[in-house]
Structure formats: C-alpha cells, structure tokens
Amino acid sequence: MQRNDFLLEWHGDAIVVAPSGSAESLEWTGVEQAADLVFGQVRDREVPLVVFDLGDLQYFGSVFMAMLLRCHKLLKYAGGELVLANVGANAKELLRLTGLDTLWAIYDTRDQALEAIGA
C-alpha cells in the first residue's frame, strides 16, 4: 500500500477518505496499514467521524472490504462512526449481497454524508 492510495481531507470534525483507483488492488498485507493510516488521523478525537468517498473506485473486493471492516471496528471501539458516500452500483450490490449495507449508512454524495454525521 502506498500513502497516495488514499486522499485524506478534513471537513470540520470529520475526515473524508477518498481511495484512488489503485486502492482497488490493495493487498492483504496493506489492510492493517491502511486501517491504521485512517484511524491514526482520528484517534485523538472525542468522537472520530470518517466518510469513505468511494467515487473513484469502479469496484472493490474482499481485501478492500476487510480494510473497511477493520476501520469500522477501530472507530466503533473509540465511539466513532464510519459512513460511505458515492458508492457505485456494482459496489452497492456487493455491499447488499454481503449484508454490509446494513452496517454502514450509504449516501449518494460526500456532502450528504458529512451533513448526516454532523460535520
């Protein structure tokens, strides 16, 4: 995993994580590293809020889902929240088939996601 696989932007109290297309090929060895990169940015927040903007991803597989689950676990443990935005049709179907669409709120746009979590 390279640091430029993920663009990180602060919006008030929330951080937006925008994976680049290269994140689609994230390898198993990068799952913990990617999750730690994201969580490291919000670790000291009273309520860590993270929006994953998936607009640049055409698809993602089990490795990327594992990274999202790892981030989710770290954030929930810290009392925070992870939501998704700009999820394409194929990714929405994958999330639905795996039941993960019930774990995370999914918003059509980044702005809707930020507004929903109060950022």
PDB file of N, CA and C in Angstrom:
ATOM      1  N   MET A   1       0.841  -1.181   0.000  1.00  0.00           N
ATOM      2  CA  MET A   1       0.000   0.000   0.000  1.00  0.00           C
ATOM      3  C   MET A   1       0.884   1.241   0.000  1.00  0.00           C
ATOM      4  N   GLN A   2       0.522   2.206  -0.782  1.00  0.00           N
ATOM      5  CA  GLN A   2       1.222   3.480  -0.797  1.00  0.00           C
ATOM      6  C   GLN A   2       0.304   4.526  -0.183  1.00  0.00           C
ATOM      7  N   ARG A   3       0.898   5.503   0.445  1.00  0.00           N
ATOM      8  CA  ARG A   3       0.111   6.550   1.095  1.00  0.00           C
ATOM      9  C   ARG A   3      -0.782   7.283   0.089  1.00  0.00           C
ATOM     10  N   ASN A   4      -0.359   7.380  -1.165  1.00  0.00           N
ATOM     11  CA  ASN A   4      -1.165   8.101  -2.145  1.00  0.00           C
ATOM     12  C   ASN A   4      -2.343   7.267  -2.654  1.00  0.00           C
ATOM     13  N   ASP A   5      -2.526   6.057  -2.114  1.00  0.00           N
ATOM     14  CA  ASP A   5      -3.705   5.264  -2.434  1.00  0.00           C
ATOM     15  C   ASP A   5      -4.961   5.882  -1.813  1.00  0.00           C
ATOM     16  N   PHE A   6      -4.769   6.760  -0.825  1.00  0.00           N
ATOM     17  CA  PHE A   6      -5.878   7.368  -0.101  1.00  0.00           C
ATOM     18  C   PHE A   6      -5.640   8.865   0.071  1.00  0.00           C
ATOM     19  N   LEU A   7      -6.609   9.669  -0.368  1.00  0.00           N
ATOM     20  CA  LEU A   7      -6.565  11.108  -0.144  1.00  0.00           C
ATOM     21  C   LEU A   7      -7.354  11.372   1.129  1.00  0.00           C
ATOM     22  N   LEU A   8      -6.761  12.099   2.067  1.00  0.00           N
ATOM     23  CA  LEU A   8      -7.408  12.401   3.340  1.00  0.00           C
ATOM     24  C   LEU A   8      -7.670  13.895   3.419  1.00  0.00           C
ATOM     25  N   GLU A   9      -8.919  14.272   3.702  1.00  0.00           N
ATOM     26  CA  GLU A   9      -9.304  15.683   3.803  1.00  0.00           C
ATOM     27  C   GLU A   9     -10.152  15.889   5.045  1.00  0.00           C
ATOM     28  N   TRP A  10      -9.806  16.913   5.815  1.00  0.00           N
ATOM     29  CA  TRP A  10     -10.620  17.265   6.979  1.00  0.00           C
ATOM     30  C   TRP A  10     -11.772  18.160   6.562  1.00  0.00           C
ATOM     31  N   HIS A  11     -12.936  17.891   7.109  1.00  0.00           N
ATOM     32  CA  HIS A  11     -14.137  18.713   6.939  1.00  0.00           C
ATOM     33  C   HIS A  11     -14.738  18.885   8.321  1.00  0.00           C
ATOM     34  N   GLY A  12     -14.381  19.974   8.981  1.00  0.00           N
ATOM     35  CA  GLY A  12     -14.839  20.164  10.353  1.00  0.00           C
ATOM     36  C   GLY A  12     -14.268  19.073  11.239  1.00  0.00           C
ATOM     37  N   ASP A  13     -15.146  18.364  11.929  1.00  0.00           N
ATOM     38  CA  ASP A  13     -14.706  17.313  12.843  1.00  0.00           C
ATOM     39  C   ASP A  13     -14.578  15.946  12.183  1.00  0.00           C
ATOM     40  N   ALA A  14     -14.832  15.867  10.901  1.00  0.00           N
ATOM     41  CA  ALA A  14     -14.796  14.582  10.201  1.00  0.00           C
ATOM     42  C   ALA A  14     -13.659  14.564   9.189  1.00  0.00           C
ATOM     43  N   ILE A  15     -13.173  13.369   8.934  1.00  0.00           N
ATOM     44  CA  ILE A  15     -12.182  13.200   7.888  1.00  0.00           C
ATOM     45  C   ILE A  15     -12.827  12.418   6.747  1.00  0.00           C
ATOM     46  N   VAL A  16     -12.561  12.882   5.542  1.00  0.00           N
ATOM     47  CA  VAL A  16     -13.027  12.186   4.352  1.00  0.00           C
ATOM     48  C   VAL A  16     -11.841  11.411   3.797  1.00  0.00           C
ATOM     49  N   VAL A  17     -12.058  10.131   3.578  1.00  0.00           N
ATOM     50  CA  VAL A  17     -11.052   9.262   2.994  1.00  0.00           C
ATOM     51  C   VAL A  17     -11.529   8.928   1.582  1.00  0.00           C
ATOM     52  N   ALA A  18     -10.745   9.345   0.597  1.00  0.00           N
ATOM     53  CA  ALA A  18     -11.107   9.108  -0.795  1.00  0.00           C
ATOM     54  C   ALA A  18     -10.054   8.186  -1.410  1.00  0.00           C
ATOM     55  N   PRO A  19     -10.356   6.883  -1.464  1.00  0.00           N
ATOM     56  CA  PRO A  19      -9.406   5.953  -2.074  1.00  0.00           C
ATOM     57  C   PRO A  19      -9.277   6.214  -3.570  1.00  0.00           C
ATOM     58  N   SER A  20      -8.051   6.135  -4.071  1.00  0.00           N
ATOM     59  CA  SER A  20      -7.840   6.263  -5.513  1.00  0.00           C
ATOM     60  C   SER A  20      -8.121   4.913  -6.155  1.00  0.00           C
ATOM     61  N   GLY A  21      -8.158   4.894  -7.464  1.00  0.00           N
ATOM     62  CA  GLY A  21      -8.382   3.650  -8.191  1.00  0.00           C
ATOM     63  C   GLY A  21      -7.370   2.575  -7.844  1.00  0.00           C
ATOM     64  N   SER A  22      -6.159   2.977  -7.449  1.00  0.00           N
ATOM     65  CA  SER A  22      -5.133   1.987  -7.106  1.00  0.00           C
ATOM     66  C   SER A  22      -5.479   1.222  -5.836  1.00  0.00           C
ATOM     67  N   ALA A  23      -6.381   1.761  -5.015  1.00  0.00           N
ATOM     68  CA  ALA A  23      -6.797   1.062  -3.800  1.00  0.00           C
ATOM     69  C   ALA A  23      -7.599  -0.191  -4.123  1.00  0.00           C
ATOM     70  N   GLU A  24      -8.107  -0.274  -5.351  1.00  0.00           N
ATOM     71  CA  GLU A  24      -8.842  -1.474  -5.762  1.00  0.00           C
ATOM     72  C   GLU A  24      -7.949  -2.706  -5.726  1.00  0.00           C
ATOM     73  N   SER A  25      -6.653  -2.496  -5.888  1.00  0.00           N
ATOM     74  CA  SER A  25      -5.721  -3.620  -5.892  1.00  0.00           C
ATOM     75  C   SER A  25      -4.966  -3.734  -4.567  1.00  0.00           C
ATOM     76  N   LEU A  26      -5.539  -3.212  -3.502  1.00  0.00           N
ATOM     77  CA  LEU A  26      -4.949  -3.309  -2.173  1.00  0.00           C
ATOM     78  C   LEU A  26      -4.698  -4.776  -1.842  1.00  0.00           C
ATOM     79  N   GLU A  27      -3.509  -5.072  -1.336  1.00  0.00           N
ATOM     80  CA  GLU A  27      -3.155  -6.445  -0.998  1.00  0.00           C
ATOM     81  C   GLU A  27      -3.407  -6.701   0.477  1.00  0.00           C
ATOM     82  N   TRP A  28      -3.502  -7.969   0.841  1.00  0.00           N
ATOM     83  CA  TRP A  28      -3.803  -8.338   2.224  1.00  0.00           C
ATOM     84  C   TRP A  28      -2.827  -7.710   3.201  1.00  0.00           C
ATOM     85  N   THR A  29      -1.575  -7.599   2.810  1.00  0.00           N
ATOM     86  CA  THR A  29      -0.573  -7.033   3.710  1.00  0.00           C
ATOM     87  C   THR A  29      -0.835  -5.553   3.999  1.00  0.00           C
ATOM     88  N   GLY A  30      -1.622  -4.911   3.146  1.00  0.00           N
ATOM     89  CA  GLY A  30      -1.890  -3.485   3.323  1.00  0.00           C
ATOM     90  C   GLY A  30      -3.136  -3.172   4.126  1.00  0.00           C
ATOM     91  N   VAL A  31      -3.926  -4.179   4.487  1.00  0.00           N
ATOM     92  CA  VAL A  31      -5.192  -3.942   5.178  1.00  0.00           C
ATOM     93  C   VAL A  31      -4.971  -3.236   6.503  1.00  0.00           C
ATOM     94  N   GLU A  32      -4.144  -3.789   7.357  1.00  0.00           N
ATOM     95  CA  GLU A  32      -3.899  -3.191   8.671  1.00  0.00           C
ATOM     96  C   GLU A  32      -3.237  -1.824   8.521  1.00  0.00           C
ATOM     97  N   GLN A  33      -2.294  -1.715   7.596  1.00  0.00           N
ATOM     98  CA  GLN A  33      -1.594  -0.454   7.375  1.00  0.00           C
ATOM     99  C   GLN A  33      -2.571   0.635   6.938  1.00  0.00           C
ATOM    100  N   ALA A  34      -3.469   0.312   6.022  1.00  0.00           N
ATOM    101  CA  ALA A  34      -4.451   1.296   5.556  1.00  0.00           C
ATOM    102  C   ALA A  34      -5.403   1.678   6.673  1.00  0.00           C
ATOM    103  N   ALA A  35      -5.880   0.704   7.424  1.00  0.00           N
ATOM    104  CA  ALA A  35      -6.789   0.994   8.536  1.00  0.00           C
ATOM    105  C   ALA A  35      -6.099   1.849   9.587  1.00  0.00           C
ATOM    106  N   ASP A  36      -4.850   1.534   9.893  1.00  0.00           N
ATOM    107  CA  ASP A  36      -4.102   2.325  10.877  1.00  0.00           C
ATOM    108  C   ASP A  36      -3.854   3.742  10.383  1.00  0.00           C
ATOM    109  N   LEU A  37      -3.623   3.900   9.076  1.00  0.00           N
ATOM    110  CA  LEU A  37      -3.438   5.229   8.492  1.00  0.00           C
ATOM    111  C   LEU A  37      -4.683   6.084   8.732  1.00  0.00           C
ATOM    112  N   VAL A  38      -5.840   5.517   8.446  1.00  0.00           N
ATOM    113  CA  VAL A  38      -7.093   6.247   8.637  1.00  0.00           C
ATOM    114  C   VAL A  38      -7.348   6.497  10.119  1.00  0.00           C
ATOM    115  N   PHE A  39      -7.257   5.454  10.930  1.00  0.00           N
ATOM    116  CA  PHE A  39      -7.573   5.600  12.346  1.00  0.00           C
ATOM    117  C   PHE A  39      -6.579   6.515  13.051  1.00  0.00           C
ATOM    118  N   GLY A  40      -5.329   6.492  12.607  1.00  0.00           N
ATOM    119  CA  GLY A  40      -4.318   7.365  13.201  1.00  0.00           C
ATOM    120  C   GLY A  40      -4.671   8.835  13.081  1.00  0.00           C
ATOM    121  N   GLN A  41      -5.434   9.194  12.040  1.00  0.00           N
ATOM    122  CA  GLN A  41      -5.835  10.587  11.838  1.00  0.00           C
ATOM    123  C   GLN A  41      -6.918  11.032  12.822  1.00  0.00           C
ATOM    124  N   VAL A  42      -7.709  10.089  13.314  1.00  0.00           N
ATOM    125  CA  VAL A  42      -8.861  10.458  14.156  1.00  0.00           C
ATOM    126  C   VAL A  42      -8.764   9.906  15.572  1.00  0.00           C
ATOM    127  N   ARG A  43      -7.690   9.209  15.869  1.00  0.00           N
ATOM    128  CA  ARG A  43      -7.530   8.524  17.158  1.00  0.00           C
ATOM    129  C   ARG A  43      -7.764   9.442  18.350  1.00  0.00           C
ATOM    130  N   ASP A  44      -7.314  10.682  18.293  1.00  0.00           N
ATOM    131  CA  ASP A  44      -7.398  11.588  19.437  1.00  0.00           C
ATOM    132  C   ASP A  44      -8.693  12.391  19.479  1.00  0.00           C
ATOM    133  N   ARG A  45      -9.590  12.158  18.561  1.00  0.00           N
ATOM    134  CA  ARG A  45     -10.875  12.866  18.537  1.00  0.00           C
ATOM    135  C   ARG A  45     -11.815  12.267  19.569  1.00  0.00           C
ATOM    136  N   GLU A  46     -12.634  13.121  20.180  1.00  0.00           N
ATOM    137  CA  GLU A  46     -13.605  12.631  21.148  1.00  0.00           C
ATOM    138  C   GLU A  46     -14.576  11.660  20.485  1.00  0.00           C
ATOM    139  N   VAL A  47     -15.083  12.044  19.310  1.00  0.00           N
ATOM    140  CA  VAL A  47     -15.948  11.176  18.511  1.00  0.00           C
ATOM    141  C   VAL A  47     -15.377  11.137  17.098  1.00  0.00           C
ATOM    142  N   PRO A  48     -14.590  10.105  16.783  1.00  0.00           N
ATOM    143  CA  PRO A  48     -13.992  10.041  15.440  1.00  0.00           C
ATOM    144  C   PRO A  48     -15.048   9.769  14.370  1.00  0.00           C
ATOM    145  N   LEU A  49     -15.078  10.641  13.356  1.00  0.00           N
ATOM    146  CA  LEU A  49     -16.047  10.533  12.263  1.00  0.00           C
ATOM    147  C   LEU A  49     -15.297  10.393  10.950  1.00  0.00           C
ATOM    148  N   VAL A  50     -15.661   9.367  10.174  1.00  0.00           N
ATOM    149  CA  VAL A  50     -14.972   9.099   8.921  1.00  0.00           C
ATOM    150  C   VAL A  50     -15.986   8.854   7.819  1.00  0.00           C
ATOM    151  N   VAL A  51     -15.782   9.548   6.698  1.00  0.00           N
ATOM    152  CA  VAL A  51     -16.570   9.320   5.488  1.00  0.00           C
ATOM    153  C   VAL A  51     -15.632   8.709   4.460  1.00  0.00           C
ATOM    154  N   PHE A  52     -15.970   7.537   3.965  1.00  0.00           N
ATOM    155  CA  PHE A  52     -15.245   6.952   2.844  1.00  0.00           C
ATOM    156  C   PHE A  52     -15.975   7.353   1.582  1.00  0.00           C
ATOM    157  N   ASP A  53     -15.336   8.185   0.767  1.00  0.00           N
ATOM    158  CA  ASP A  53     -15.893   8.612  -0.513  1.00  0.00           C
ATOM    159  C   ASP A  53     -15.342   7.673  -1.576  1.00  0.00           C
ATOM    160  N   LEU A  54     -16.206   6.788  -2.084  1.00  0.00           N
ATOM    161  CA  LEU A  54     -15.766   5.738  -2.996  1.00  0.00           C
ATOM    162  C   LEU A  54     -15.960   6.098  -4.461  1.00  0.00           C
ATOM    163  N   GLY A  55     -16.108   7.380  -4.751  1.00  0.00           N
ATOM    164  CA  GLY A  55     -16.380   7.833  -6.110  1.00  0.00           C
ATOM    165  C   GLY A  55     -15.336   7.460  -7.140  1.00  0.00           C
ATOM    166  N   ASP A  56     -14.069   7.266  -6.745  1.00  0.00           N
ATOM    167  CA  ASP A  56     -13.017   6.933  -7.700  1.00  0.00           C
ATOM    168  C   ASP A  56     -12.825   5.431  -7.886  1.00  0.00           C
ATOM    169  N   LEU A  57     -13.590   4.626  -7.155  1.00  0.00           N
ATOM    170  CA  LEU A  57     -13.452   3.175  -7.275  1.00  0.00           C
ATOM    171  C   LEU A  57     -14.514   2.621  -8.217  1.00  0.00           C
ATOM    172  N   GLN A  58     -14.087   1.837  -9.177  1.00  0.00           N
ATOM    173  CA  GLN A  58     -15.027   1.170 -10.069  1.00  0.00           C
ATOM    174  C   GLN A  58     -15.567  -0.094  -9.413  1.00  0.00           C
ATOM    175  N   TYR A  59     -14.736  -0.729  -8.617  1.00  0.00           N
ATOM    176  CA  TYR A  59     -15.107  -1.946  -7.908  1.00  0.00           C
ATOM    177  C   TYR A  59     -14.184  -2.087  -6.716  1.00  0.00           C
ATOM    178  N   PHE A  60     -14.520  -2.999  -5.839  1.00  0.00           N
ATOM    179  CA  PHE A  60     -13.586  -3.411  -4.799  1.00  0.00           C
ATOM    180  C   PHE A  60     -13.943  -4.825  -4.384  1.00  0.00           C
ATOM    181  N   GLY A  61     -12.969  -5.487  -3.817  1.00  0.00           N
ATOM    182  CA  GLY A  61     -13.152  -6.882  -3.450  1.00  0.00           C
ATOM    183  C   GLY A  61     -12.987  -7.117  -1.966  1.00  0.00           C
ATOM    184  N   SER A  62     -12.690  -8.353  -1.637  1.00  0.00           N
ATOM    185  CA  SER A  62     -12.656  -8.768  -0.236  1.00  0.00           C
ATOM    186  C   SER A  62     -11.564  -8.064   0.565  1.00  0.00           C
ATOM    187  N   VAL A  63     -10.446  -7.753  -0.060  1.00  0.00           N
ATOM    188  CA  VAL A  63      -9.360  -7.095   0.673  1.00  0.00           C
ATOM    189  C   VAL A  63      -9.779  -5.680   1.081  1.00  0.00           C
ATOM    190  N   PHE A  64     -10.390  -4.950   0.161  1.00  0.00           N
ATOM    191  CA  PHE A  64     -10.841  -3.607   0.487  1.00  0.00           C
ATOM    192  C   PHE A  64     -11.957  -3.659   1.532  1.00  0.00           C
ATOM    193  N   MET A  65     -12.860  -4.642   1.408  1.00  0.00           N
ATOM    194  CA  MET A  65     -13.920  -4.792   2.414  1.00  0.00           C
ATOM    195  C   MET A  65     -13.326  -5.095   3.782  1.00  0.00           C
ATOM    196  N   ALA A  66     -12.267  -5.901   3.815  1.00  0.00           N
ATOM    197  CA  ALA A  66     -11.600  -6.199   5.083  1.00  0.00           C
ATOM    198  C   ALA A  66     -11.025  -4.928   5.697  1.00  0.00           C
ATOM    199  N   MET A  67     -10.481  -4.056   4.861  1.00  0.00           N
ATOM    200  CA  MET A  67      -9.938  -2.794   5.360  1.00  0.00           C
ATOM    201  C   MET A  67     -11.062  -1.913   5.922  1.00  0.00           C
ATOM    202  N   LEU A  68     -12.203  -1.848   5.216  1.00  0.00           N
ATOM    203  CA  LEU A  68     -13.343  -1.086   5.733  1.00  0.00           C
ATOM    204  C   LEU A  68     -13.820  -1.653   7.066  1.00  0.00           C
ATOM    205  N   LEU A  69     -13.888  -2.967   7.161  1.00  0.00           N
ATOM    206  CA  LEU A  69     -14.316  -3.603   8.417  1.00  0.00           C
ATOM    207  C   LEU A  69     -13.341  -3.322   9.547  1.00  0.00           C
ATOM    208  N   ARG A  70     -12.062  -3.339   9.249  1.00  0.00           N
ATOM    209  CA  ARG A  70     -11.045  -3.027  10.259  1.00  0.00           C
ATOM    210  C   ARG A  70     -11.203  -1.579  10.736  1.00  0.00           C
ATOM    211  N   CYS A  71     -11.386  -0.658   9.807  1.00  0.00           N
ATOM    212  CA  CYS A  71     -11.615   0.744  10.170  1.00  0.00           C
ATOM    213  C   CYS A  71     -12.878   0.869  11.010  1.00  0.00           C
ATOM    214  N   HIS A  72     -13.934   0.201  10.593  1.00  0.00           N
ATOM    215  CA  HIS A  72     -15.202   0.238  11.314  1.00  0.00           C
ATOM    216  C   HIS A  72     -15.004  -0.229  12.757  1.00  0.00           C
ATOM    217  N   LYS A  73     -14.301  -1.333  12.928  1.00  0.00           N
ATOM    218  CA  LYS A  73     -14.064  -1.889  14.263  1.00  0.00           C
ATOM    219  C   LYS A  73     -13.298  -0.893  15.140  1.00  0.00           C
ATOM    220  N   LEU A  74     -12.230  -0.305  14.599  1.00  0.00           N
ATOM    221  CA  LEU A  74     -11.438   0.665  15.358  1.00  0.00           C
ATOM    222  C   LEU A  74     -12.282   1.880  15.739  1.00  0.00           C
ATOM    223  N   LEU A  75     -13.087   2.367  14.795  1.00  0.00           N
ATOM    224  CA  LEU A  75     -13.904   3.548  15.057  1.00  0.00           C
ATOM    225  C   LEU A  75     -15.009   3.265  16.065  1.00  0.00           C
ATOM    226  N   LYS A  76     -15.684   2.146  15.943  1.00  0.00           N
ATOM    227  CA  LYS A  76     -16.749   1.789  16.885  1.00  0.00           C
ATOM    228  C   LYS A  76     -16.200   1.643  18.290  1.00  0.00           C
ATOM    229  N   TYR A  77     -15.028   1.024  18.406  1.00  0.00           N
ATOM    230  CA  TYR A  77     -14.388   0.854  19.709  1.00  0.00           C
ATOM    231  C   TYR A  77     -14.092   2.210  20.355  1.00  0.00           C
ATOM    232  N   ALA A  78     -13.783   3.203  19.517  1.00  0.00           N
ATOM    233  CA  ALA A  78     -13.476   4.553  20.002  1.00  0.00           C
ATOM    234  C   ALA A  78     -14.732   5.427  20.104  1.00  0.00           C
ATOM    235  N   GLY A  79     -15.911   4.852  19.829  1.00  0.00           N
ATOM    236  CA  GLY A  79     -17.152   5.613  19.921  1.00  0.00           C
ATOM    237  C   GLY A  79     -17.459   6.445  18.704  1.00  0.00           C
ATOM    238  N   GLY A  80     -16.809   6.138  17.582  1.00  0.00           N
ATOM    239  CA  GLY A  80     -16.980   6.917  16.365  1.00  0.00           C
ATOM    240  C   GLY A  80     -17.908   6.272  15.369  1.00  0.00           C
ATOM    241  N   GLU A  81     -17.864   6.814  14.149  1.00  0.00           N
ATOM    242  CA  GLU A  81     -18.756   6.346  13.101  1.00  0.00           C
ATOM    243  C   GLU A  81     -18.058   6.395  11.748  1.00  0.00           C
ATOM    244  N   LEU A  82     -18.373   5.413  10.913  1.00  0.00           N
ATOM    245  CA  LEU A  82     -17.893   5.341   9.548  1.00  0.00           C
ATOM    246  C   LEU A  82     -19.113   5.271   8.639  1.00  0.00           C
ATOM    247  N   VAL A  83     -19.134   6.121   7.612  1.00  0.00           N
ATOM    248  CA  VAL A  83     -20.204   6.090   6.618  1.00  0.00           C
ATOM    249  C   VAL A  83     -19.576   6.083   5.230  1.00  0.00           C
ATOM    250  N   LEU A  84     -20.375   5.716   4.235  1.00  0.00           N
ATOM    251  CA  LEU A  84     -19.905   5.637   2.860  1.00  0.00           C
ATOM    252  C   LEU A  84     -20.637   6.648   1.989  1.00  0.00           C
ATOM    253  N   ALA A  85     -19.935   7.151   0.977  1.00  0.00           N
ATOM    254  CA  ALA A  85     -20.537   8.092   0.026  1.00  0.00           C
ATOM    255  C   ALA A  85     -20.067   7.750  -1.381  1.00  0.00           C
ATOM    256  N   ASN A  86     -20.876   8.166  -2.370  1.00  0.00           N
ATOM    257  CA  ASN A  86     -20.527   7.978  -3.788  1.00  0.00           C
ATOM    258  C   ASN A  86     -20.216   6.523  -4.126  1.00  0.00           C
ATOM    259  N   VAL A  87     -21.050   5.634  -3.640  1.00  0.00           N
ATOM    260  CA  VAL A  87     -20.847   4.204  -3.870  1.00  0.00           C
ATOM    261  C   VAL A  87     -21.505   3.830  -5.199  1.00  0.00           C
ATOM    262  N   GLY A  88     -20.729   3.289  -6.118  1.00  0.00           N
ATOM    263  CA  GLY A  88     -21.242   2.901  -7.429  1.00  0.00           C
ATOM    264  C   GLY A  88     -22.200   1.722  -7.341  1.00  0.00           C
ATOM    265  N   ALA A  89     -22.905   1.494  -8.434  1.00  0.00           N
ATOM    266  CA  ALA A  89     -23.928   0.444  -8.479  1.00  0.00           C
ATOM    267  C   ALA A  89     -23.356  -0.940  -8.187  1.00  0.00           C
ATOM    268  N   ASN A  90     -22.207  -1.276  -8.771  1.00  0.00           N
ATOM    269  CA  ASN A  90     -21.606  -2.595  -8.527  1.00  0.00           C
ATOM    270  C   ASN A  90     -21.208  -2.761  -7.067  1.00  0.00           C
ATOM    271  N   ALA A  91     -20.623  -1.716  -6.492  1.00  0.00           N
ATOM    272  CA  ALA A  91     -20.219  -1.782  -5.092  1.00  0.00           C
ATOM    273  C   ALA A  91     -21.443  -1.862  -4.175  1.00  0.00           C
ATOM    274  N   LYS A  92     -22.503  -1.119  -4.499  1.00  0.00           N
ATOM    275  CA  LYS A  92     -23.730  -1.203  -3.700  1.00  0.00           C
ATOM    276  C   LYS A  92     -24.294  -2.615  -3.712  1.00  0.00           C
ATOM    277  N   GLU A  93     -24.261  -3.246  -4.880  1.00  0.00           N
ATOM    278  CA  GLU A  93     -24.761  -4.614  -4.986  1.00  0.00           C
ATOM    279  C   GLU A  93     -23.910  -5.569  -4.149  1.00  0.00           C
ATOM    280  N   LEU A  94     -22.602  -5.396  -4.195  1.00  0.00           N
ATOM    281  CA  LEU A  94     -21.704  -6.216  -3.392  1.00  0.00           C
ATOM    282  C   LEU A  94     -21.981  -6.020  -1.899  1.00  0.00           C
ATOM    283  N   LEU A  95     -22.151  -4.778  -1.490  1.00  0.00           N
ATOM    284  CA  LEU A  95     -22.460  -4.500  -0.084  1.00  0.00           C
ATOM    285  C   LEU A  95     -23.798  -5.114   0.316  1.00  0.00           C
ATOM    286  N   ARG A  96     -24.761  -5.072  -0.601  1.00  0.00           N
ATOM    287  CA  ARG A  96     -26.069  -5.665  -0.318  1.00  0.00           C
ATOM    288  C   ARG A  96     -25.967  -7.184  -0.181  1.00  0.00           C
ATOM    289  N   LEU A  97     -25.243  -7.810  -1.105  1.00  0.00           N
ATOM    290  CA  LEU A  97     -25.102  -9.263  -1.089  1.00  0.00           C
ATOM    291  C   LEU A  97     -24.381  -9.769   0.157  1.00  0.00           C
ATOM    292  N   THR A  98     -23.452  -8.989   0.661  1.00  0.00           N
ATOM    293  CA  THR A  98     -22.693  -9.384   1.849  1.00  0.00           C
ATOM    294  C   THR A  98     -23.363  -8.945   3.146  1.00  0.00           C
ATOM    295  N   GLY A  99     -24.428  -8.158   3.030  1.00  0.00           N
ATOM    296  CA  GLY A  99     -25.118  -7.659   4.210  1.00  0.00           C
ATOM    297  C   GLY A  99     -24.439  -6.461   4.854  1.00  0.00           C
ATOM    298  N   LEU A 100     -23.359  -5.979   4.252  1.00  0.00           N
ATOM    299  CA  LEU A 100     -22.638  -4.844   4.832  1.00  0.00           C
ATOM    300  C   LEU A 100     -23.369  -3.525   4.629  1.00  0.00           C
ATOM    301  N   ASP A 101     -24.352  -3.510   3.739  1.00  0.00           N
ATOM    302  CA  ASP A 101     -25.145  -2.289   3.558  1.00  0.00           C
ATOM    303  C   ASP A 101     -25.982  -1.989   4.795  1.00  0.00           C
ATOM    304  N   THR A 102     -26.119  -2.953   5.696  1.00  0.00           N
ATOM    305  CA  THR A 102     -26.833  -2.710   6.953  1.00  0.00           C
ATOM    306  C   THR A 102     -25.885  -2.251   8.059  1.00  0.00           C
ATOM    307  N   LEU A 103     -24.596  -2.388   7.819  1.00  0.00           N
ATOM    308  CA  LEU A 103     -23.596  -1.994   8.816  1.00  0.00           C
ATOM    309  C   LEU A 103     -23.260  -0.512   8.708  1.00  0.00           C
ATOM    310  N   TRP A 104     -23.206  -0.010   7.481  1.00  0.00           N
ATOM    311  CA  TRP A 104     -22.827   1.380   7.254  1.00  0.00           C
ATOM    312  C   TRP A 104     -23.940   2.133   6.552  1.00  0.00           C
ATOM    313  N   ALA A 105     -24.126   3.369   6.945  1.00  0.00           N
ATOM    314  CA  ALA A 105     -25.025   4.246   6.202  1.00  0.00           C
ATOM    315  C   ALA A 105     -24.341   4.587   4.876  1.00  0.00           C
ATOM    316  N   ILE A 106     -25.130   4.604   3.798  1.00  0.00           N
ATOM    317  CA  ILE A 106     -24.601   4.887   2.463  1.00  0.00           C
ATOM    318  C   ILE A 106     -25.323   6.111   1.909  1.00  0.00           C
ATOM    319  N   TYR A 107     -24.548   7.110   1.495  1.00  0.00           N
ATOM    320  CA  TYR A 107     -25.101   8.356   0.982  1.00  0.00           C
ATOM    321  C   TYR A 107     -24.680   8.555  -0.466  1.00  0.00           C
ATOM    322  N   ASP A 108     -25.531   9.226  -1.211  1.00  0.00           N
ATOM    323  CA  ASP A 108     -25.251   9.461  -2.633  1.00  0.00           C
ATOM    324  C   ASP A 108     -24.073  10.394  -2.846  1.00  0.00           C
ATOM    325  N   THR A 109     -23.902  11.374  -1.955  1.00  0.00           N
ATOM    326  CA  THR A 109     -22.831  12.354  -2.130  1.00  0.00           C
ATOM    327  C   THR A 109     -22.033  12.522  -0.836  1.00  0.00           C
ATOM    328  N   ARG A 110     -20.840  13.073  -0.995  1.00  0.00           N
ATOM    329  CA  ARG A 110     -19.989  13.385   0.151  1.00  0.00           C
ATOM    330  C   ARG A 110     -20.679  14.407   1.065  1.00  0.00           C
ATOM    331  N   ASP A 111     -21.280  15.433   0.454  1.00  0.00           N
ATOM    332  CA  ASP A 111     -21.945  16.468   1.254  1.00  0.00           C
ATOM    333  C   ASP A 111     -23.080  15.889   2.091  1.00  0.00           C
ATOM    334  N   GLN A 112     -23.864  14.975   1.506  1.00  0.00           N
ATOM    335  CA  GLN A 112     -24.951  14.345   2.259  1.00  0.00           C
ATOM    336  C   GLN A 112     -24.392  13.537   3.428  1.00  0.00           C
ATOM    337  N   ALA A 113     -23.300  12.841   3.207  1.00  0.00           N
ATOM    338  CA  ALA A 113     -22.691  12.048   4.265  1.00  0.00           C
ATOM    339  C   ALA A 113     -22.172  12.934   5.381  1.00  0.00           C
ATOM    340  N   LEU A 114     -21.487  14.017   5.024  1.00  0.00           N
ATOM    341  CA  LEU A 114     -20.959  14.934   6.033  1.00  0.00           C
ATOM    342  C   LEU A 114     -22.090  15.571   6.829  1.00  0.00           C
ATOM    343  N   GLU A 115     -23.162  15.974   6.154  1.00  0.00           N
ATOM    344  CA  GLU A 115     -24.293  16.569   6.838  1.00  0.00           C
ATOM    345  C   GLU A 115     -24.940  15.553   7.800  1.00  0.00           C
ATOM    346  N   ALA A 116     -25.055  14.315   7.362  1.00  0.00           N
ATOM    347  CA  ALA A 116     -25.708  13.287   8.175  1.00  0.00           C
ATOM    348  C   ALA A 116     -24.958  13.009   9.479  1.00  0.00           C
ATOM    349  N   ILE A 117     -23.621  13.101   9.437  1.00  0.00           N
ATOM    350  CA  ILE A 117     -22.846  12.823  10.662  1.00  0.00           C
ATOM    351  C   ILE A 117     -22.545  14.098  11.442  1.00  0.00           C
ATOM    352  N   GLY A 118     -23.078  15.217  10.980  1.00  0.00           N
ATOM    353  CA  GLY A 118     -22.951  16.463  11.720  1.00  0.00           C
ATOM    354  C   GLY A 118     -21.623  17.168  11.558  1.00  0.00           C
ATOM    355  N   ALA A 119     -20.962  16.931  10.449  1.00  0.00           N
ATOM    356  CA  ALA A 119     -19.668  17.600  10.240  1.00  0.00           C
ATOM    357  C   ALA A 119     -19.848  18.862   9.420  1.00  0.00           C
TER     358      ALA A 119
END
